[in-house]
Amino acid sequence: MSSGKQRWRLFLTILCGLGVGVLLYMSWRPEIPLDPRQKPLNERGVALFNSRYEGWEGAKRIWTLEAAEIFRTTDGKTVNFRGIENIRLYQEDDRILAIKADTGRLDLKQNVLTLTGVQGEINGGRLHTVGLKVDLERKEIASTHPLSFAKEGLELQANRMEGNFETEEYLFSGDLEVVQGKHRSRGQVFTYYAKEDRFELKGDVEVELEL
């Protein structure tokens, strides 16, 4: 009888030892690093790498986007982009508004593309801003972040921009400063007409001449 009790105590001792060992392993084991390309469970979808995305109106191609990663969620509401190498918004006469960006998010219902870390080219002029929205339905672009625009000796700083890449008219405003040669100008609204390659500065214009 005592032999049976001893065996039972031995069994309980071994079982407790195994349990303690498992707990120690779980508490001390190293964490397995996650694959940076792996999406959280609530962001499951289809990912494509070094791919191209196109937007069409009927049989007419309106825009294209090339990115290091294109990810479409399973709910079909959004498409996310990383490492955007080139966005082309096609205009008349084979003209193109070209944009690069760090990331992008396309709302498929609203047909609005939100970009971060933006570098753009408007008729040979260079545009830089931390954020930009492109309404692909209305052909409008807008930024509520500080930005800069430079073209052929003209340099501009502003807090906001809005424009239409079909009419190719772009308005800059907010703490506006324009430098051209030795002239430094301030006003309320700077409008750039890309088709005609001309600009207007309006609203309480002040001009300083640097000697």
C-alpha atoms as a PDB file:
ATOM      1  CA  MET A   1       0.000   0.000   0.000  1.00  0.00           C
ATOM      2  CA  SER A   2       2.811   2.378   1.002  1.00  0.00           C
ATOM      3  CA  SER A   3       4.574   1.461  -2.242  1.00  0.00           C
ATOM      4  CA  GLY A   4       1.525   2.678  -4.200  1.00  0.00           C
ATOM      5  CA  LYS A   5       1.483   5.984  -2.285  1.00  0.00           C
ATOM      6  CA  GLN A   6       5.181   6.485  -2.986  1.00  0.00           C
ATOM      7  CA  ARG A   7       4.638   5.934  -6.705  1.00  0.00           C
ATOM      8  CA  TRP A   8       1.729   8.399  -6.676  1.00  0.00           C
ATOM      9  CA  ARG A   9       3.826  11.042  -4.868  1.00  0.00           C
ATOM     10  CA  LEU A  10       6.643  10.489  -7.369  1.00  0.00           C
ATOM     11  CA  PHE A  11       4.203  10.967 -10.262  1.00  0.00           C
ATOM     12  CA  LEU A  12       2.871  14.242  -8.771  1.00  0.00           C
ATOM     13  CA  THR A  13       6.430  15.488  -8.191  1.00  0.00           C
ATOM     14  CA  ILE A  14       7.388  14.805 -11.831  1.00  0.00           C
ATOM     15  CA  LEU A  15       4.184  16.425 -13.104  1.00  0.00           C
ATOM     16  CA  CYS A  16       4.787  19.570 -11.008  1.00  0.00           C
ATOM     17  CA  GLY A  17       8.379  19.745 -12.230  1.00  0.00           C
ATOM     18  CA  LEU A  18       7.248  19.576 -15.856  1.00  0.00           C
ATOM     19  CA  GLY A  19       4.701  22.341 -15.253  1.00  0.00           C
ATOM     20  CA  VAL A  20       7.302  24.630 -13.704  1.00  0.00           C
ATOM     21  CA  GLY A  21       9.692  23.916 -16.575  1.00  0.00           C
ATOM     22  CA  VAL A  22       7.049  24.838 -19.184  1.00  0.00           C
ATOM     23  CA  LEU A  23       6.219  28.090 -17.374  1.00  0.00           C
ATOM     24  CA  LEU A  24       9.893  29.031 -17.160  1.00  0.00           C
ATOM     25  CA  TYR A  25      10.349  28.335 -20.886  1.00  0.00           C
ATOM     26  CA  MET A  26       7.316  30.437 -21.829  1.00  0.00           C
ATOM     27  CA  SER A  27       8.533  33.355 -19.694  1.00  0.00           C
ATOM     28  CA  TRP A  28      12.148  33.277 -20.899  1.00  0.00           C
ATOM     29  CA  ARG A  29      11.835  32.242 -24.552  1.00  0.00           C
ATOM     30  CA  PRO A  30      12.834  34.934 -27.099  1.00  0.00           C
ATOM     31  CA  GLU A  31      10.079  36.672 -29.070  1.00  0.00           C
ATOM     32  CA  ILE A  32       9.897  35.658 -32.725  1.00  0.00           C
ATOM     33  CA  PRO A  33      10.203  38.793 -34.909  1.00  0.00           C
ATOM     34  CA  LEU A  34       7.252  39.417 -37.216  1.00  0.00           C
ATOM     35  CA  ASP A  35       7.655  39.593 -40.961  1.00  0.00           C
ATOM     36  CA  PRO A  36       7.315  43.324 -41.795  1.00  0.00           C
ATOM     37  CA  ARG A  37       5.226  42.354 -44.823  1.00  0.00           C
ATOM     38  CA  GLN A  38       2.790  40.355 -42.713  1.00  0.00           C
ATOM     39  CA  LYS A  39      -0.448  42.250 -42.069  1.00  0.00           C
ATOM     40  CA  PRO A  40      -2.387  42.275 -38.779  1.00  0.00           C
ATOM     41  CA  LEU A  41      -5.465  40.060 -38.678  1.00  0.00           C
ATOM     42  CA  ASN A  42      -7.743  43.061 -39.188  1.00  0.00           C
ATOM     43  CA  GLU A  43      -5.814  44.079 -42.328  1.00  0.00           C
ATOM     44  CA  ARG A  44      -5.880  40.869 -44.280  1.00  0.00           C
ATOM     45  CA  GLY A  45      -5.969  41.233 -48.032  1.00  0.00           C
ATOM     46  CA  VAL A  46      -3.943  40.809 -51.211  1.00  0.00           C
ATOM     47  CA  ALA A  47      -0.414  42.270 -51.449  1.00  0.00           C
ATOM     48  CA  LEU A  48       1.569  42.791 -54.645  1.00  0.00           C
ATOM     49  CA  PHE A  49       5.215  43.867 -54.750  1.00  0.00           C
ATOM     50  CA  ASN A  50       6.918  46.080 -57.358  1.00  0.00           C
ATOM     51  CA  SER A  51       3.645  46.401 -59.196  1.00  0.00           C
ATOM     52  CA  ARG A  52       1.515  48.877 -61.110  1.00  0.00           C
ATOM     53  CA  TYR A  53      -2.021  50.150 -60.497  1.00  0.00           C
ATOM     54  CA  GLU A  54      -4.119  51.894 -63.156  1.00  0.00           C
ATOM     55  CA  GLY A  55      -7.235  54.055 -63.095  1.00  0.00           C
ATOM     56  CA  TRP A  56      -9.604  54.123 -66.065  1.00  0.00           C
ATOM     57  CA  GLU A  57     -12.696  56.026 -67.197  1.00  0.00           C
ATOM     58  CA  GLY A  58     -14.317  53.724 -69.704  1.00  0.00           C
ATOM     59  CA  ALA A  59     -11.664  52.955 -72.321  1.00  0.00           C
ATOM     60  CA  LYS A  60      -9.509  55.949 -71.334  1.00  0.00           C
ATOM     61  CA  ARG A  61      -6.601  55.543 -68.933  1.00  0.00           C
ATOM     62  CA  ILE A  62      -6.641  58.467 -66.479  1.00  0.00           C
ATOM     63  CA  TRP A  63      -3.753  57.680 -64.145  1.00  0.00           C
ATOM     64  CA  THR A  64      -1.136  55.057 -63.272  1.00  0.00           C
ATOM     65  CA  LEU A  65       0.816  54.305 -60.111  1.00  0.00           C
ATOM     66  CA  GLU A  66       3.960  52.226 -59.611  1.00  0.00           C
ATOM     67  CA  ALA A  67       4.925  51.187 -56.068  1.00  0.00           C
ATOM     68  CA  ALA A  68       7.153  48.802 -54.141  1.00  0.00           C
ATOM     69  CA  GLU A  69       4.057  47.407 -52.402  1.00  0.00           C
ATOM     70  CA  ILE A  70       0.365  47.514 -53.282  1.00  0.00           C
ATOM     71  CA  PHE A  71      -2.049  46.100 -50.697  1.00  0.00           C
ATOM     72  CA  ARG A  72      -5.821  45.771 -51.173  1.00  0.00           C
ATOM     73  CA  THR A  73      -7.950  44.996 -48.126  1.00  0.00           C
ATOM     74  CA  THR A  74     -10.389  42.082 -48.209  1.00  0.00           C
ATOM     75  CA  ASP A  75     -13.359  44.394 -47.645  1.00  0.00           C
ATOM     76  CA  GLY A  76     -12.587  46.042 -50.998  1.00  0.00           C
ATOM     77  CA  LYS A  77     -12.753  49.560 -49.529  1.00  0.00           C
ATOM     78  CA  THR A  78      -9.140  50.713 -49.748  1.00  0.00           C
ATOM     79  CA  VAL A  79      -5.843  50.120 -51.516  1.00  0.00           C
ATOM     80  CA  ASN A  80      -2.625  51.007 -49.654  1.00  0.00           C
ATOM     81  CA  PHE A  81       0.672  51.831 -51.339  1.00  0.00           C
ATOM     82  CA  ARG A  82       4.252  51.952 -50.032  1.00  0.00           C
ATOM     83  CA  GLY A  83       7.318  53.276 -51.800  1.00  0.00           C
ATOM     84  CA  ILE A  84       5.487  55.037 -54.627  1.00  0.00           C
ATOM     85  CA  GLU A  85       8.003  55.483 -57.408  1.00  0.00           C
ATOM     86  CA  ASN A  86       5.742  57.209 -59.905  1.00  0.00           C
ATOM     87  CA  ILE A  87       2.187  58.500 -60.200  1.00  0.00           C
ATOM     88  CA  ARG A  88       1.177  59.820 -63.593  1.00  0.00           C
ATOM     89  CA  LEU A  89      -1.967  61.904 -64.003  1.00  0.00           C
ATOM     90  CA  TYR A  90      -2.603  62.126 -67.734  1.00  0.00           C
ATOM     91  CA  GLN A  91      -3.615  65.511 -69.156  1.00  0.00           C
ATOM     92  CA  GLU A  92      -4.320  66.943 -72.598  1.00  0.00           C
ATOM     93  CA  ASP A  93      -1.733  66.944 -75.379  1.00  0.00           C
ATOM     94  CA  ASP A  94       0.129  64.023 -73.760  1.00  0.00           C
ATOM     95  CA  ARG A  95       1.060  66.215 -70.783  1.00  0.00           C
ATOM     96  CA  ILE A  96       1.630  64.474 -67.427  1.00  0.00           C
ATOM     97  CA  LEU A  97       1.520  65.533 -63.792  1.00  0.00           C
ATOM     98  CA  ALA A  98       4.127  63.307 -62.119  1.00  0.00           C
ATOM     99  CA  ILE A  99       4.287  62.558 -58.372  1.00  0.00           C
ATOM    100  CA  LYS A 100       6.448  60.448 -56.049  1.00  0.00           C
ATOM    101  CA  ALA A 101       5.442  59.651 -52.470  1.00  0.00           C
ATOM    102  CA  ASP A 102       6.395  57.556 -49.459  1.00  0.00           C
ATOM    103  CA  THR A 103       2.917  56.126 -48.878  1.00  0.00           C
ATOM    104  CA  GLY A 104      -0.571  56.372 -50.314  1.00  0.00           C
ATOM    105  CA  ARG A 105      -4.099  55.281 -49.470  1.00  0.00           C
ATOM    106  CA  LEU A 106      -6.840  55.052 -52.101  1.00  0.00           C
ATOM    107  CA  ASP A 107     -10.443  55.257 -50.898  1.00  0.00           C
ATOM    108  CA  LEU A 108     -12.214  53.224 -53.567  1.00  0.00           C
ATOM    109  CA  LYS A 109     -15.655  54.532 -52.637  1.00  0.00           C
ATOM    110  CA  GLN A 110     -14.705  58.227 -52.753  1.00  0.00           C
ATOM    111  CA  ASN A 111     -12.000  57.699 -55.415  1.00  0.00           C
ATOM    112  CA  VAL A 112      -9.631  59.889 -53.369  1.00  0.00           C
ATOM    113  CA  LEU A 113      -5.912  59.181 -53.059  1.00  0.00           C
ATOM    114  CA  THR A 114      -4.177  60.452 -49.890  1.00  0.00           C
ATOM    115  CA  LEU A 115      -0.370  60.719 -50.109  1.00  0.00           C
ATOM    116  CA  THR A 116       2.464  61.377 -47.635  1.00  0.00           C
ATOM    117  CA  GLY A 117       6.057  62.455 -48.293  1.00  0.00           C
ATOM    118  CA  VAL A 118       5.264  64.003 -51.673  1.00  0.00           C
ATOM    119  CA  GLN A 119       7.595  65.130 -54.444  1.00  0.00           C
ATOM    120  CA  GLY A 120       5.790  66.328 -57.553  1.00  0.00           C
ATOM    121  CA  GLU A 121       6.550  67.869 -60.921  1.00  0.00           C
ATOM    122  CA  ILE A 122       4.174  70.445 -62.411  1.00  0.00           C
ATOM    123  CA  ASN A 123       5.229  71.528 -65.898  1.00  0.00           C
ATOM    124  CA  GLY A 124       8.903  71.289 -64.968  1.00  0.00           C
ATOM    125  CA  GLY A 125       8.400  72.855 -61.533  1.00  0.00           C
ATOM    126  CA  ARG A 126       9.277  70.894 -58.376  1.00  0.00           C
ATOM    127  CA  LEU A 127       6.701  70.556 -55.622  1.00  0.00           C
ATOM    128  CA  HIS A 128       7.465  69.288 -52.086  1.00  0.00           C
ATOM    129  CA  THR A 129       4.987  68.735 -49.253  1.00  0.00           C
ATOM    130  CA  VAL A 130       4.396  66.242 -46.452  1.00  0.00           C
ATOM    131  CA  GLY A 131       0.811  65.502 -47.486  1.00  0.00           C
ATOM    132  CA  LEU A 132      -1.387  65.719 -50.574  1.00  0.00           C
ATOM    133  CA  LYS A 133      -4.905  64.629 -51.509  1.00  0.00           C
ATOM    134  CA  VAL A 134      -5.855  63.772 -55.081  1.00  0.00           C
ATOM    135  CA  ASP A 135      -9.557  63.630 -55.950  1.00  0.00           C
ATOM    136  CA  LEU A 136      -9.437  61.404 -59.005  1.00  0.00           C
ATOM    137  CA  GLU A 137     -13.141  61.896 -59.726  1.00  0.00           C
ATOM    138  CA  ARG A 138     -13.059  65.707 -59.764  1.00  0.00           C
ATOM    139  CA  LYS A 139      -9.465  65.959 -61.040  1.00  0.00           C
ATOM    140  CA  GLU A 140      -8.496  68.069 -58.024  1.00  0.00           C
ATOM    141  CA  ILE A 141      -5.430  68.104 -55.787  1.00  0.00           C
ATOM    142  CA  ALA A 142      -5.038  69.835 -52.438  1.00  0.00           C
ATOM    143  CA  SER A 143      -2.600  70.178 -49.564  1.00  0.00           C
ATOM    144  CA  THR A 144      -3.145  71.754 -46.139  1.00  0.00           C
ATOM    145  CA  HIS A 145       0.520  71.308 -45.176  1.00  0.00           C
ATOM    146  CA  PRO A 146       3.452  73.716 -45.657  1.00  0.00           C
ATOM    147  CA  LEU A 147       4.913  73.272 -49.125  1.00  0.00           C
ATOM    148  CA  SER A 148       7.448  74.603 -51.577  1.00  0.00           C
ATOM    149  CA  PHE A 149       7.372  75.054 -55.351  1.00  0.00           C
ATOM    150  CA  ALA A 150      10.395  75.952 -57.499  1.00  0.00           C
ATOM    151  CA  LYS A 151      10.630  76.587 -61.230  1.00  0.00           C
ATOM    152  CA  GLU A 152      13.264  78.335 -63.359  1.00  0.00           C
ATOM    153  CA  GLY A 153      14.583  80.805 -60.796  1.00  0.00           C
ATOM    154  CA  LEU A 154      11.259  81.157 -58.973  1.00  0.00           C
ATOM    155  CA  GLU A 155      10.916  79.805 -55.446  1.00  0.00           C
ATOM    156  CA  LEU A 156       7.671  79.772 -53.496  1.00  0.00           C
ATOM    157  CA  GLN A 157       6.719  78.927 -49.919  1.00  0.00           C
ATOM    158  CA  ALA A 158       3.088  78.532 -48.814  1.00  0.00           C
ATOM    159  CA  ASN A 159       0.897  76.798 -46.249  1.00  0.00           C
ATOM    160  CA  ARG A 160      -1.822  75.528 -48.589  1.00  0.00           C
ATOM    161  CA  MET A 161      -2.412  74.568 -52.180  1.00  0.00           C
ATOM    162  CA  GLU A 162      -5.402  73.581 -54.271  1.00  0.00           C
ATOM    163  CA  GLY A 163      -5.631  72.950 -57.962  1.00  0.00           C
ATOM    164  CA  ASN A 164      -7.151  71.101 -60.878  1.00  0.00           C
ATOM    165  CA  PHE A 165      -4.910  68.870 -62.950  1.00  0.00           C
ATOM    166  CA  GLU A 166      -7.370  68.985 -65.865  1.00  0.00           C
ATOM    167  CA  THR A 167      -7.452  72.785 -66.203  1.00  0.00           C
ATOM    168  CA  GLU A 168      -3.865  72.875 -64.836  1.00  0.00           C
ATOM    169  CA  GLU A 169      -4.496  75.841 -62.555  1.00  0.00           C
ATOM    170  CA  TYR A 170      -2.903  75.761 -59.077  1.00  0.00           C
ATOM    171  CA  LEU A 171      -3.507  78.205 -56.213  1.00  0.00           C
ATOM    172  CA  PHE A 172      -1.043  78.691 -53.332  1.00  0.00           C
ATOM    173  CA  SER A 173      -1.889  80.652 -50.176  1.00  0.00           C
ATOM    174  CA  GLY A 174      -1.105  81.094 -46.463  1.00  0.00           C
ATOM    175  CA  ASP A 175       2.114  82.852 -45.317  1.00  0.00           C
ATOM    176  CA  LEU A 176       2.939  83.218 -48.980  1.00  0.00           C
ATOM    177  CA  GLU A 177       6.464  84.207 -50.012  1.00  0.00           C
ATOM    178  CA  VAL A 178       7.788  84.266 -53.571  1.00  0.00           C
ATOM    179  CA  VAL A 179      11.434  84.799 -54.485  1.00  0.00           C
ATOM    180  CA  GLN A 180      12.389  85.537 -58.091  1.00  0.00           C
ATOM    181  CA  GLY A 181      15.885  86.765 -58.761  1.00  0.00           C
ATOM    182  CA  LYS A 182      16.519  89.687 -56.368  1.00  0.00           C
ATOM    183  CA  HIS A 183      12.817  90.252 -55.731  1.00  0.00           C
ATOM    184  CA  ARG A 184      11.045  88.878 -52.670  1.00  0.00           C
ATOM    185  CA  SER A 185       7.258  89.213 -52.861  1.00  0.00           C
ATOM    186  CA  ARG A 186       4.396  88.581 -50.461  1.00  0.00           C
ATOM    187  CA  GLY A 187       0.688  88.386 -51.177  1.00  0.00           C
ATOM    188  CA  GLN A 188      -2.478  86.457 -50.420  1.00  0.00           C
ATOM    189  CA  VAL A 189      -2.811  84.157 -53.442  1.00  0.00           C
ATOM    190  CA  PHE A 190      -0.278  82.912 -55.978  1.00  0.00           C
ATOM    191  CA  THR A 191      -1.884  81.285 -59.040  1.00  0.00           C
ATOM    192  CA  TYR A 192       0.154  79.223 -61.484  1.00  0.00           C
ATOM    193  CA  TYR A 193      -1.377  78.558 -64.927  1.00  0.00           C
ATOM    194  CA  ALA A 194       0.658  75.571 -66.081  1.00  0.00           C
ATOM    195  CA  LYS A 195      -0.794  75.381 -69.609  1.00  0.00           C
ATOM    196  CA  GLU A 196       0.275  78.967 -70.299  1.00  0.00           C
ATOM    197  CA  ASP A 197       3.314  78.747 -68.000  1.00  0.00           C
ATOM    198  CA  ARG A 198       2.486  82.049 -66.273  1.00  0.00           C
ATOM    199  CA  PHE A 199       1.604  83.136 -62.746  1.00  0.00           C
ATOM    200  CA  GLU A 200      -0.245  85.886 -60.874  1.00  0.00           C
ATOM    201  CA  LEU A 201       0.292  87.204 -57.360  1.00  0.00           C
ATOM    202  CA  LYS A 202      -2.794  88.874 -55.864  1.00  0.00           C
ATOM    203  CA  GLY A 203      -3.970  90.508 -52.639  1.00  0.00           C
ATOM    204  CA  ASP A 204      -2.003  93.212 -50.778  1.00  0.00           C
ATOM    205  CA  VAL A 205       1.181  92.494 -52.713  1.00  0.00           C
ATOM    206  CA  GLU A 206       4.473  93.617 -51.158  1.00  0.00           C
ATOM    207  CA  VAL A 207       7.745  93.500 -53.094  1.00  0.00           C
ATOM    208  CA  GLU A 208      11.251  93.794 -51.636  1.00  0.00           C
ATOM    209  CA  LEU A 209      14.362  94.318 -53.727  1.00  0.00           C
ATOM    210  CA  GLU A 210      17.545  92.748 -52.408  1.00  0.00           C
ATOM    211  CA  LEU A 211      20.572  94.865 -53.331  1.00  0.00           C
END
